[in-house]
Amino acid sequence: MTSEKEKVDDNGEGAPERAGLVLATLIIVAAVANLPLAMANVALPSIGAYFNASQTQLNLVAVSYSLGLACSVLWLGALGDRYGRKLLLILGVTLAIPAALISGLAPSIEVLIFGRLFGGFAAGMAYPTTLSLITALWAPGPPRTRAIALWAAIGGAISVSGPLLSGLLLQSLYWGSVFLIVLPLAIVALLMALKFVPAHVNEADEAVDNMGGIFSVVLIATFVLALNFLPVADYRTFALVLLLISAVTTALFVWQQRRAANPLYDLKVAGRRTFWVAAVAGIIVFGSLMGAMFIGQQFLQNVLAYSTLNAGLAVLPAGICMILVAPRSAKIVEARGSRLTLLGGYVFILLGFLAMLFLWKENISYLYVGLAYALVGIGIGLAGTPASRSLTGSVPITRAGMASGTADLQRDLGGAMFQSFFGALLAAGYTSAIAVQLAAYPDAATVPASVSSSMELSFAGAQAVAAQYPQYAAQITAAAKAAFLQGDQYAYLAGIIAVLGGAALVFFLFPKHEEEQKMLAEFHAADMAPKTAVPPDASAGMPQQPASL
């Protein structure tokens, strides 16, 4: 009887049996993990109004899902490599169901944040496994590059389509519907995974570095949370404590990786230029997308007064461009190398942020909105494939979880960092601008403290005040829009600086095409070289034999 492991062969094309169904299943599983990332962004104004939430609380709603993903993918990816990628994938998709119910039915903003965080951990089980399985099932070269391109493009497009789906739901349903919509997709993904995904393919047999896994969770979680709270004056001390914990845990993590027999994160592999430069470059690439979506959705609804449906429709150019460009990106990577393709992506992302900085003003036409999103979409479509492909090509098959975990960190840590940082800059800029406007008001002394604190809380807080004082609604809304526009400028400038830094890193440190091919071939040869068996006991009197014999 043929086992599932034996069925996973080349078929003469470097792909598994039923490759199309397997890849479709992995993409749908990735969709279950990806959709909740962006769908909350459209609902943020509705959530803020329903719970009377602060801008910091809204930032946590947006970032908690990607935070759960980011801090768990390395550990969970290693567990999948050891105990079964298919098992972990199925467990993650299954847990996505109660996570969606908790978020969609949350009675308070705190429960909603918890539900999002729990959903992120569930996605951390399923999502990294999708790229691990592509790495394990598809042979290196064009077959794997094409599979990764489709996985990256369709997965990214699904993330971008999340706001449109959210907008459609919010036209007639309440805010929680955007979290519940993932339920039927999770059931489909679960059934397909059980039927089509092979089990036990090129898995490791070494013990998992669980201590390193715990350190990785703590260091990422504390770092991302610190970014959220650092610009908020009342929480600055708390944020500094979190940064200190993150720094100490990072040192412990590195120490643990250097001493562990089977480290969670092989620092020798991570030190390969094709790995670490691509990892950092990808964090900036995908973080830019999530940051632009996060700020952009609030801009469209708060400043331009778009409906939730129109706000969702507005981002479609990004998804369309990603789908159209990603297949071309795979061809450019094979013909011209990852470095050139990454740099091309950075150019378009930079143009997108410049469009946001200089063109996104009050009362602009949709042309400027669509242009910025299209430019970012082209950039992600170009850069996404080489960023992921370089990681998978730089590691041994048995460490596919390390590569896929890092690829997920590109999206999730990048998204968490950029949303946290952009949101914090927006909150700080908004609060400062509102405070200045209130101080300049001729009758500032007569403004009740509850009114000023509500207005400084967030744009939703200002709208709540406007509803209480309809005779001043126009002035309050105008002040809130002006404050928002001042805050989001800081976010776009930060994005431009990050993109320029990432482009410089790739330009100076990522190897050119011929050198990249040579390095990847050397890594593959070294990783596939037969290991020497442990010498037997001297008392056994047996000669030492190579492991390959």
Protein backbone atom coordinates (compact mmCIF):
# COMPACT_ATOMS: atom_id res chain seq x y z
CA MET A 1 0.00 0.00 0.00
CA THR A 2 1.41 3.41 -0.99
CA SER A 3 1.72 5.92 1.83
CA GLU A 4 0.98 9.63 1.52
CA LYS A 5 4.67 10.34 1.85
CA GLU A 6 5.51 8.09 -1.07
CA LYS A 7 2.88 9.74 -3.24
CA VAL A 8 4.67 13.08 -3.05
CA ASP A 9 7.02 12.76 -5.97
CA ASP A 10 8.26 14.87 -8.84
CA ASN A 11 5.89 13.66 -11.53
CA GLY A 12 8.67 14.77 -13.82
CA GLU A 13 7.83 18.41 -13.16
CA GLY A 14 9.05 19.07 -9.64
CA ALA A 15 5.48 19.16 -8.28
CA PRO A 16 3.38 16.81 -6.13
CA GLU A 17 0.49 14.70 -7.33
CA ARG A 18 -2.73 16.71 -7.73
CA ALA A 19 -0.56 19.81 -7.54
CA GLY A 20 -3.38 22.15 -8.54
CA LEU A 21 -5.71 20.92 -5.80
CA VAL A 22 -2.93 20.95 -3.22
CA LEU A 23 -1.94 24.52 -4.08
CA ALA A 24 -5.58 25.65 -4.16
CA THR A 25 -6.07 24.17 -0.69
CA LEU A 26 -3.00 25.91 0.69
CA ILE A 27 -4.14 29.23 -0.81
CA ILE A 28 -7.62 28.86 0.75
CA VAL A 29 -6.05 28.03 4.11
CA ALA A 30 -3.88 31.13 3.74
CA ALA A 31 -7.05 33.10 2.98
CA VAL A 32 -8.60 31.97 6.27
CA ALA A 33 -5.53 33.37 8.02
CA ASN A 34 -5.18 36.50 5.86
CA LEU A 35 -8.74 37.81 5.58
CA PRO A 36 -9.09 38.89 9.24
CA LEU A 37 -5.88 40.93 8.94
CA ALA A 38 -7.38 43.62 6.73
CA MET A 39 -11.12 43.18 7.25
CA ALA A 40 -11.05 44.90 10.62
CA ASN A 41 -9.63 48.09 9.10
CA VAL A 42 -12.87 49.04 7.33
CA ALA A 43 -14.86 48.36 10.49
CA LEU A 44 -12.62 50.48 12.75
CA PRO A 45 -14.77 53.64 12.56
CA SER A 46 -17.90 51.55 13.31
CA ILE A 47 -16.12 49.75 16.16
CA GLY A 48 -14.85 53.05 17.54
CA ALA A 49 -18.35 54.53 17.53
CA TYR A 50 -19.97 51.41 19.02
CA PHE A 51 -17.52 51.06 21.93
CA ASN A 52 -16.54 54.77 22.16
CA ALA A 53 -12.97 53.51 21.82
CA SER A 54 -9.79 55.56 21.94
CA GLN A 55 -7.41 55.69 18.98
CA THR A 56 -4.98 53.51 20.96
CA GLN A 57 -7.69 50.89 21.52
CA LEU A 58 -8.54 50.95 17.81
CA ASN A 59 -4.84 50.50 17.04
CA LEU A 60 -4.83 47.42 19.28
CA VAL A 61 -7.92 46.00 17.54
CA ALA A 62 -6.13 46.41 14.22
CA VAL A 63 -2.76 45.11 15.33
CA SER A 64 -3.65 42.33 17.80
CA TYR A 65 -4.36 39.76 15.07
CA SER A 66 -1.04 40.31 13.31
CA LEU A 67 0.61 40.45 16.74
CA GLY A 68 -0.69 36.96 17.56
CA LEU A 69 0.56 35.72 14.21
CA ALA A 70 3.94 37.41 14.40
CA CYS A 71 4.91 36.25 17.88
CA SER A 72 3.90 32.61 17.31
CA VAL A 73 4.98 31.69 13.76
CA LEU A 74 8.61 30.77 14.50
CA TRP A 75 7.75 28.38 17.32
CA LEU A 76 4.69 26.93 15.61
CA GLY A 77 6.58 26.54 12.34
CA ALA A 78 9.22 24.45 14.12
CA LEU A 79 6.53 22.34 15.80
CA GLY A 80 5.01 21.69 12.38
CA ASP A 81 8.39 20.65 10.96
CA ARG A 82 8.76 18.14 13.80
CA TYR A 83 5.29 16.80 14.55
CA GLY A 84 3.43 17.24 11.28
CA ARG A 85 2.69 20.26 9.11
CA LYS A 86 -0.70 18.92 8.07
CA LEU A 87 -1.66 18.35 11.72
CA LEU A 88 -0.75 21.91 12.67
CA LEU A 89 -2.54 23.31 9.62
CA ILE A 90 -5.77 21.47 10.51
CA LEU A 91 -5.53 22.54 14.15
CA GLY A 92 -5.05 26.18 13.17
CA VAL A 93 -8.01 26.23 10.77
CA THR A 94 -10.18 24.53 13.41
CA LEU A 95 -9.29 27.08 16.11
CA ALA A 96 -10.02 29.93 13.70
CA ILE A 97 -13.72 29.11 14.12
CA PRO A 98 -14.06 29.91 17.88
CA ALA A 99 -11.70 32.87 17.44
CA ALA A 100 -14.05 34.35 14.82
CA LEU A 101 -17.05 33.82 17.13
CA ILE A 102 -15.32 35.55 20.06
CA SER A 103 -14.42 38.55 17.90
CA GLY A 104 -17.75 38.82 16.11
CA LEU A 105 -19.83 38.56 19.31
CA ALA A 106 -17.51 40.53 21.63
CA PRO A 107 -19.43 42.48 24.31
CA SER A 108 -16.54 44.89 24.97
CA ILE A 109 -13.51 46.33 23.23
CA GLU A 110 -11.24 44.30 25.53
CA VAL A 111 -12.90 41.01 24.55
CA LEU A 112 -12.64 42.01 20.90
CA ILE A 113 -8.90 42.63 21.27
CA PHE A 114 -8.54 39.21 22.97
CA GLY A 115 -10.53 37.50 20.22
CA ARG A 116 -8.31 39.08 17.58
CA LEU A 117 -5.19 38.00 19.45
CA PHE A 118 -6.52 34.43 19.79
CA GLY A 119 -7.33 34.41 16.08
CA GLY A 120 -3.78 35.47 15.34
CA PHE A 121 -2.39 32.52 17.31
CA ALA A 122 -4.72 30.16 15.41
CA ALA A 123 -3.54 31.64 12.13
CA GLY A 124 0.03 31.20 13.36
CA MET A 125 -0.58 27.45 13.28
CA ALA A 126 -2.11 27.35 9.80
CA TYR A 127 -0.46 30.11 7.80
CA PRO A 128 3.26 29.27 8.13
CA THR A 129 2.45 25.68 7.27
CA THR A 130 1.20 26.69 3.82
CA LEU A 131 4.59 27.97 2.67
CA SER A 132 6.39 25.12 4.48
CA LEU A 133 4.39 22.62 2.44
CA ILE A 134 5.11 24.45 -0.82
CA THR A 135 8.82 24.30 0.03
CA ALA A 136 8.60 20.59 0.90
CA LEU A 137 6.39 19.52 -2.01
CA TRP A 138 7.70 21.58 -4.94
CA ALA A 139 11.27 21.14 -6.19
CA PRO A 140 13.65 24.15 -6.21
CA GLY A 141 13.63 26.22 -9.38
CA PRO A 142 10.81 27.42 -11.65
CA PRO A 143 8.11 25.03 -10.30
CA ARG A 144 8.55 26.27 -6.74
CA THR A 145 8.93 29.90 -7.83
CA ARG A 146 5.65 29.73 -9.79
CA ALA A 147 3.86 28.12 -6.83
CA ILE A 148 5.18 30.78 -4.45
CA ALA A 149 4.21 33.54 -6.89
CA LEU A 150 0.62 32.28 -7.05
CA TRP A 151 0.52 31.79 -3.28
CA ALA A 152 1.88 35.30 -2.64
CA ALA A 153 -0.22 37.07 -5.28
CA ILE A 154 -3.57 35.42 -4.58
CA GLY A 155 -2.99 35.52 -0.83
CA GLY A 156 -2.11 39.19 -1.00
CA ALA A 157 -5.07 39.93 -3.24
CA ILE A 158 -7.38 38.15 -0.79
CA SER A 159 -6.01 40.35 1.99
CA VAL A 160 -6.65 43.43 -0.12
CA SER A 161 -10.16 42.23 -1.02
CA GLY A 162 -10.98 41.99 2.68
CA PRO A 163 -11.92 45.68 2.91
CA LEU A 164 -14.34 45.31 -0.03
CA LEU A 165 -16.03 42.32 1.59
CA SER A 166 -16.16 44.22 4.89
CA GLY A 167 -17.72 47.21 3.16
CA LEU A 168 -20.41 45.06 1.59
CA LEU A 169 -21.27 43.46 4.93
CA LEU A 170 -21.34 46.74 6.84
CA GLN A 171 -23.87 48.18 4.41
CA SER A 172 -26.61 46.14 6.07
CA LEU A 173 -25.06 44.21 8.98
CA TYR A 174 -23.36 45.16 12.24
CA TRP A 175 -19.58 45.49 12.76
CA GLY A 176 -19.14 41.93 14.07
CA SER A 177 -20.17 40.44 10.72
CA VAL A 178 -16.72 41.21 9.30
CA PHE A 179 -15.23 38.66 11.70
CA LEU A 180 -17.94 36.02 11.32
CA ILE A 181 -17.67 35.87 7.52
CA VAL A 182 -14.53 33.74 7.80
CA LEU A 183 -16.52 30.83 9.31
CA PRO A 184 -17.77 29.21 6.06
CA LEU A 185 -14.37 29.65 4.42
CA ALA A 186 -12.69 27.95 7.40
CA ILE A 187 -15.02 24.95 7.06
CA VAL A 188 -14.22 24.63 3.33
CA ALA A 189 -10.49 24.95 4.05
CA LEU A 190 -10.69 22.28 6.74
CA LEU A 191 -12.43 19.76 4.47
CA MET A 192 -10.01 20.39 1.59
CA ALA A 193 -6.97 20.14 3.87
CA LEU A 194 -8.14 16.79 5.24
CA LYS A 195 -8.60 15.41 1.73
CA PHE A 196 -5.84 16.92 -0.41
CA VAL A 197 -2.84 17.96 1.72
CA PRO A 198 -0.16 15.22 2.03
CA ALA A 199 1.14 14.36 5.47
CA HIS A 200 4.67 13.73 6.78
CA VAL A 201 6.74 15.13 3.92
CA ASN A 202 10.42 15.82 4.64
CA GLU A 203 9.78 16.47 8.32
CA ALA A 204 12.51 16.82 10.91
CA ASP A 205 13.13 14.30 13.69
CA GLU A 206 15.12 16.48 16.11
CA ALA A 207 13.66 17.80 19.35
CA VAL A 208 12.05 21.25 19.18
CA ASP A 209 13.74 24.13 20.99
CA ASN A 210 10.72 25.04 23.13
CA MET A 211 12.68 27.44 25.33
CA GLY A 212 13.68 29.39 22.24
CA GLY A 213 10.03 29.33 21.18
CA ILE A 214 8.93 30.92 24.46
CA PHE A 215 11.62 33.59 24.13
CA SER A 216 10.54 34.34 20.56
CA VAL A 217 6.92 34.88 21.63
CA VAL A 218 7.86 37.25 24.44
CA LEU A 219 10.41 39.32 22.52
CA ILE A 220 8.11 39.96 19.54
CA ALA A 221 4.97 40.57 21.61
CA THR A 222 6.61 43.08 23.95
CA PHE A 223 8.33 44.91 21.09
CA VAL A 224 5.16 45.36 19.04
CA LEU A 225 3.08 46.40 22.05
CA ALA A 226 5.74 48.94 23.01
CA LEU A 227 5.43 50.54 19.57
CA ASN A 228 1.70 51.01 20.19
CA PHE A 229 2.08 52.71 23.54
CA LEU A 230 5.35 54.64 23.15
CA PRO A 231 3.90 57.84 21.63
CA VAL A 232 1.06 57.99 24.22
CA ALA A 233 2.25 60.14 27.12
CA ASP A 234 0.22 58.30 29.79
CA TYR A 235 1.68 54.93 28.74
CA ARG A 236 5.25 55.93 27.95
CA THR A 237 6.76 54.39 31.09
CA PHE A 238 4.87 51.16 30.41
CA ALA A 239 6.15 51.18 26.83
CA LEU A 240 9.75 51.66 27.97
CA VAL A 241 9.39 48.71 30.36
CA LEU A 242 8.10 46.60 27.46
CA LEU A 243 11.08 47.64 25.32
CA LEU A 244 13.46 46.68 28.14
CA ILE A 245 11.79 43.26 28.46
CA SER A 246 12.03 42.81 24.69
CA ALA A 247 15.74 43.69 24.67
CA VAL A 248 16.56 41.31 27.53
CA THR A 249 14.51 38.51 25.95
CA THR A 250 16.22 39.07 22.60
CA ALA A 251 19.60 38.59 24.28
CA LEU A 252 18.32 35.41 25.95
CA PHE A 253 16.93 34.17 22.63
CA VAL A 254 20.28 34.64 20.87
CA TRP A 255 22.08 32.93 23.78
CA GLN A 256 19.65 30.00 23.63
CA GLN A 257 20.06 29.65 19.84
CA ARG A 258 23.85 29.51 20.14
CA ARG A 259 23.79 26.77 22.79
CA ALA A 260 20.82 24.64 21.69
CA ALA A 261 21.61 21.32 19.97
CA ASN A 262 18.76 21.93 17.54
CA PRO A 263 18.04 25.67 17.67
CA LEU A 264 14.61 27.01 16.85
CA TYR A 265 16.21 29.60 14.60
CA ASP A 266 19.49 28.46 13.09
CA LEU A 267 21.61 31.62 13.26
CA LYS A 268 24.12 30.20 10.77
CA VAL A 269 21.40 29.81 8.17
CA ALA A 270 19.85 33.15 9.13
CA GLY A 271 23.25 34.79 8.58
CA ARG A 272 23.19 33.93 4.88
CA ARG A 273 22.82 37.15 2.90
CA THR A 274 20.13 35.73 0.68
CA PHE A 275 18.17 35.00 3.85
CA TRP A 276 18.51 37.91 6.26
CA VAL A 277 18.51 40.71 3.69
CA ALA A 278 15.42 39.23 2.04
CA ALA A 279 13.79 38.88 5.48
CA VAL A 280 14.32 42.53 6.39
CA ALA A 281 13.35 43.68 2.90
CA GLY A 282 10.13 41.66 3.09
CA ILE A 283 9.20 43.09 6.49
CA ILE A 284 9.32 46.57 4.98
CA VAL A 285 7.48 45.53 1.80
CA PHE A 286 4.54 43.81 3.48
CA GLY A 287 4.53 46.19 6.42
CA SER A 288 4.10 49.04 3.96
CA LEU A 289 1.01 47.37 2.50
CA MET A 290 -0.61 46.78 5.90
CA GLY A 291 0.30 50.26 7.13
CA ALA A 292 -1.10 51.92 4.01
CA MET A 293 -4.32 49.89 4.30
CA PHE A 294 -4.66 50.71 8.01
CA ILE A 295 -4.26 54.47 7.70
CA GLY A 296 -5.92 54.63 4.28
CA GLN A 297 -9.21 53.08 5.39
CA GLN A 298 -9.56 55.59 8.21
CA PHE A 299 -8.65 58.44 5.83
CA LEU A 300 -11.27 57.37 3.30
CA GLN A 301 -14.07 57.12 5.85
CA ASN A 302 -13.12 59.90 8.27
CA VAL A 303 -11.82 62.58 5.91
CA LEU A 304 -13.39 61.79 2.53
CA ALA A 305 -16.62 60.49 4.14
CA TYR A 306 -16.66 57.33 2.00
CA SER A 307 -19.21 54.69 2.91
CA THR A 308 -17.82 51.36 4.10
CA LEU A 309 -18.64 49.88 0.67
CA ASN A 310 -16.88 52.65 -1.25
CA ALA A 311 -13.92 52.49 1.12
CA GLY A 312 -13.62 48.77 0.40
CA LEU A 313 -13.95 49.30 -3.34
CA ALA A 314 -11.26 51.99 -3.21
CA VAL A 315 -8.46 49.49 -2.50
CA LEU A 316 -9.27 47.18 -5.42
CA PRO A 317 -6.51 48.64 -7.65
CA ALA A 318 -3.95 47.28 -5.20
CA GLY A 319 -5.32 43.73 -5.39
CA ILE A 320 -5.75 43.80 -9.17
CA CYS A 321 -2.22 45.06 -9.71
CA MET A 322 -0.78 42.45 -7.36
CA ILE A 323 -2.49 39.62 -9.27
CA LEU A 324 -1.40 40.97 -12.65
CA VAL A 325 2.19 41.71 -11.68
CA ALA A 326 3.10 38.69 -9.51
CA PRO A 327 3.33 36.15 -12.39
CA ARG A 328 5.60 38.57 -14.23
CA SER A 329 7.62 38.95 -11.02
CA ALA A 330 8.30 35.18 -10.97
CA LYS A 331 9.69 35.38 -14.53
CA ILE A 332 11.87 38.39 -13.69
CA VAL A 333 13.25 36.59 -10.62
CA GLU A 334 14.27 33.58 -12.72
CA ALA A 335 15.72 35.72 -15.53
CA ARG A 336 17.22 38.71 -13.70
CA GLY A 337 17.43 37.71 -10.04
CA SER A 338 15.78 38.67 -6.76
CA ARG A 339 17.79 41.86 -6.23
CA LEU A 340 16.55 43.66 -9.33
CA THR A 341 12.95 42.51 -8.75
CA LEU A 342 13.01 43.67 -5.13
CA LEU A 343 14.39 47.07 -6.09
CA GLY A 344 11.70 47.46 -8.74
CA GLY A 345 9.06 46.74 -6.13
CA TYR A 346 10.56 49.29 -3.77
CA VAL A 347 10.41 52.00 -6.43
CA PHE A 348 6.67 51.55 -6.88
CA ILE A 349 5.97 51.35 -3.14
CA LEU A 350 7.92 54.59 -2.67
CA LEU A 351 5.86 56.28 -5.40
CA GLY A 352 2.70 55.08 -3.65
CA PHE A 353 3.70 56.66 -0.33
CA LEU A 354 4.72 59.88 -2.06
CA ALA A 355 1.27 59.99 -3.66
CA MET A 356 -0.33 59.58 -0.24
CA LEU A 357 1.86 62.26 1.31
CA PHE A 358 1.36 64.92 -1.35
CA LEU A 359 -1.99 64.04 -2.96
CA TRP A 360 -4.22 62.67 -0.19
CA LYS A 361 -5.94 65.82 1.02
CA GLU A 362 -9.50 66.76 1.88
CA ASN A 363 -12.00 66.69 -1.01
CA ILE A 364 -9.64 64.94 -3.48
CA SER A 365 -11.05 62.87 -6.32
CA TYR A 366 -10.84 59.09 -6.30
CA LEU A 367 -8.21 59.24 -9.07
CA TYR A 368 -5.55 60.12 -6.51
CA VAL A 369 -6.70 57.42 -4.10
CA GLY A 370 -6.72 54.71 -6.76
CA LEU A 371 -3.34 55.83 -8.11
CA ALA A 372 -1.64 55.46 -4.72
CA TYR A 373 -3.14 52.02 -4.11
CA ALA A 374 -2.26 50.85 -7.64
CA LEU A 375 1.37 51.90 -7.17
CA VAL A 376 1.61 50.06 -3.84
CA GLY A 377 -0.04 47.00 -5.40
CA ILE A 378 2.47 46.92 -8.25
CA GLY A 379 5.30 47.22 -5.75
CA ILE A 380 4.01 44.36 -3.59
CA GLY A 381 3.38 42.23 -6.69
CA LEU A 382 6.98 42.70 -7.80
CA ALA A 383 8.69 42.36 -4.42
CA GLY A 384 6.57 39.67 -2.72
CA THR A 385 7.81 36.72 -4.77
CA PRO A 386 11.58 37.33 -4.44
CA ALA A 387 11.22 38.17 -0.74
CA SER A 388 9.61 34.76 -0.05
CA ARG A 389 11.55 32.76 -2.64
CA SER A 390 14.95 33.87 -1.32
CA LEU A 391 14.04 32.61 2.14
CA THR A 392 12.88 29.18 1.02
CA GLY A 393 15.89 28.77 -1.27
CA SER A 394 18.34 29.52 1.53
CA VAL A 395 17.34 26.82 4.02
CA PRO A 396 17.38 23.00 4.14
CA ILE A 397 14.05 21.27 3.49
CA THR A 398 13.97 20.06 7.09
CA ARG A 399 14.03 23.70 8.20
CA ALA A 400 11.19 24.76 5.91
CA GLY A 401 9.33 25.94 9.00
CA MET A 402 12.10 28.43 9.73
CA ALA A 403 11.82 29.85 6.20
CA SER A 404 8.03 29.92 6.22
CA GLY A 405 7.99 31.37 9.73
CA THR A 406 10.30 34.15 8.58
CA ALA A 407 8.16 34.70 5.48
CA ASP A 408 5.15 35.01 7.77
CA LEU A 409 7.09 37.41 9.97
CA GLN A 410 7.60 39.52 6.88
CA ARG A 411 3.85 39.94 6.65
CA ASP A 412 2.81 39.71 10.27
CA LEU A 413 5.67 41.37 12.11
CA GLY A 414 5.92 43.89 9.29
CA GLY A 415 2.18 44.49 9.45
CA ALA A 416 2.16 44.67 13.25
CA MET A 417 5.15 47.02 13.34
CA PHE A 418 3.92 49.35 10.60
CA GLN A 419 0.33 49.41 11.85
CA SER A 420 1.53 50.00 15.41
CA PHE A 421 4.01 52.67 14.41
CA PHE A 422 1.74 54.36 11.87
CA GLY A 423 -1.19 54.19 14.28
CA ALA A 424 0.89 55.59 17.13
CA LEU A 425 2.12 58.46 14.96
CA LEU A 426 -1.44 59.11 13.79
CA ALA A 427 -2.74 59.08 17.37
CA ALA A 428 0.01 61.36 18.64
CA GLY A 429 -0.35 63.78 15.73
CA TYR A 430 -4.14 63.82 15.96
CA THR A 431 -4.22 64.40 19.72
CA SER A 432 -1.60 67.15 19.51
CA ALA A 433 -3.40 68.94 16.68
CA ILE A 434 -6.80 68.78 18.41
CA ALA A 435 -5.29 70.07 21.66
CA VAL A 436 -3.75 73.04 19.80
CA GLN A 437 -7.07 73.83 18.12
CA LEU A 438 -8.96 73.64 21.42
CA ALA A 439 -6.39 75.88 23.10
CA ALA A 440 -6.75 78.43 20.30
CA TYR A 441 -10.56 78.49 20.63
CA PRO A 442 -11.64 81.92 21.95
CA ASP A 443 -13.86 80.40 24.64
CA ALA A 444 -11.53 77.52 25.48
CA ALA A 445 -12.09 77.97 29.20
CA THR A 446 -15.80 77.23 28.77
CA VAL A 447 -15.25 73.90 26.99
CA PRO A 448 -16.09 71.07 29.44
CA ALA A 449 -13.23 68.71 30.24
CA SER A 450 -15.33 65.74 29.09
CA VAL A 451 -15.77 67.35 25.66
CA SER A 452 -12.07 68.11 25.18
CA SER A 453 -11.02 64.63 26.34
CA SER A 454 -13.53 62.98 23.99
CA MET A 455 -12.34 65.05 21.07
CA GLU A 456 -8.70 64.24 21.82
CA LEU A 457 -9.55 60.55 22.20
CA SER A 458 -9.98 59.81 18.48
CA PHE A 459 -11.87 60.89 15.38
CA ALA A 460 -14.77 58.72 16.54
CA GLY A 461 -14.72 60.57 19.86
CA ALA A 462 -14.95 63.89 18.05
CA GLN A 463 -17.90 62.60 16.04
CA ALA A 464 -19.62 61.59 19.27
CA VAL A 465 -19.17 65.15 20.56
CA ALA A 466 -20.53 66.52 17.27
CA ALA A 467 -23.66 64.39 17.74
CA GLN A 468 -24.11 65.83 21.24
CA TYR A 469 -23.72 69.42 20.01
CA PRO A 470 -25.29 69.49 16.53
CA GLN A 471 -25.09 73.31 16.41
CA TYR A 472 -21.28 72.98 16.38
CA ALA A 473 -21.09 69.73 14.39
CA ALA A 474 -19.60 71.31 11.26
CA GLN A 475 -16.80 73.04 13.20
CA ILE A 476 -16.03 69.94 15.29
CA THR A 477 -15.87 67.69 12.23
CA ALA A 478 -13.67 70.17 10.38
CA ALA A 479 -11.29 70.33 13.33
CA ALA A 480 -11.15 66.53 13.58
CA LYS A 481 -10.44 66.18 9.85
CA ALA A 482 -7.64 68.75 10.02
CA ALA A 483 -6.13 66.95 13.02
CA PHE A 484 -6.34 63.58 11.27
CA LEU A 485 -4.62 64.96 8.18
CA GLN A 486 -1.82 66.29 10.34
CA GLY A 487 -1.36 62.93 12.07
CA ASP A 488 -1.38 60.82 8.92
CA GLN A 489 1.38 62.94 7.36
CA TYR A 490 3.76 61.64 10.02
CA ALA A 491 2.78 58.07 9.14
CA TYR A 492 3.41 58.53 5.41
CA LEU A 493 6.77 60.17 6.07
CA ALA A 494 7.76 57.23 8.29
CA GLY A 495 6.77 54.87 5.47
CA ILE A 496 8.92 56.76 2.97
CA ILE A 497 11.94 56.64 5.28
CA ALA A 498 11.48 52.89 5.87
CA VAL A 499 11.16 52.16 2.14
CA LEU A 500 14.28 54.17 1.31
CA GLY A 501 16.20 52.32 4.03
CA GLY A 502 15.03 48.95 2.74
CA ALA A 503 15.95 49.82 -0.84
CA ALA A 504 19.44 50.87 0.26
CA LEU A 505 19.86 47.57 2.15
CA VAL A 506 18.91 45.53 -0.93
CA PHE A 507 21.01 47.62 -3.31
CA PHE A 508 24.22 47.37 -1.30
CA LEU A 509 23.97 43.95 0.38
CA PHE A 510 21.78 41.60 -1.64
CA PRO A 511 23.84 39.60 -4.18
CA LYS A 512 23.41 40.18 -7.90
CA HIS A 513 21.85 37.49 -10.07
CA GLU A 514 24.90 35.35 -10.87
CA GLU A 515 26.24 35.57 -7.35
CA GLU A 516 22.79 34.77 -5.93
CA GLN A 517 22.51 31.63 -8.08
CA LYS A 518 25.97 30.52 -7.04
CA MET A 519 25.28 31.11 -3.35
CA LEU A 520 21.93 29.28 -3.42
CA ALA A 521 23.53 26.31 -5.22
CA GLU A 522 26.30 26.17 -2.61
CA PHE A 523 23.78 26.33 0.24
CA HIS A 524 21.71 23.55 -1.30
CA ALA A 525 24.78 21.34 -1.85
CA ALA A 526 25.98 21.88 1.71
CA ASP A 527 22.55 21.21 3.19
CA MET A 528 22.07 18.03 1.14
CA ALA A 529 25.55 16.62 1.80
CA PRO A 530 25.41 13.24 3.57
CA LYS A 531 26.12 13.38 7.27
CA THR A 532 28.62 11.10 8.93
CA ALA A 533 27.10 8.64 11.34
CA VAL A 534 28.02 8.77 15.00
CA PRO A 535 30.90 6.33 15.60
CA PRO A 536 29.78 3.17 17.34
CA ASP A 537 30.96 2.12 20.75
CA ALA A 538 34.59 1.04 20.75
CA SER A 539 33.55 -2.15 22.50
CA ALA A 540 31.39 -3.06 19.54
CA GLY A 541 34.47 -3.42 17.36
CA MET A 542 32.61 -2.21 14.29
CA PRO A 543 34.18 0.17 11.76
CA GLN A 544 32.68 3.62 11.24
CA GLN A 545 30.46 3.85 8.13
CA PRO A 546 29.14 6.87 6.27
CA ALA A 547 25.47 7.61 7.01
CA SER A 548 24.62 7.36 3.31
CA LEU A 549 25.57 3.69 3.37
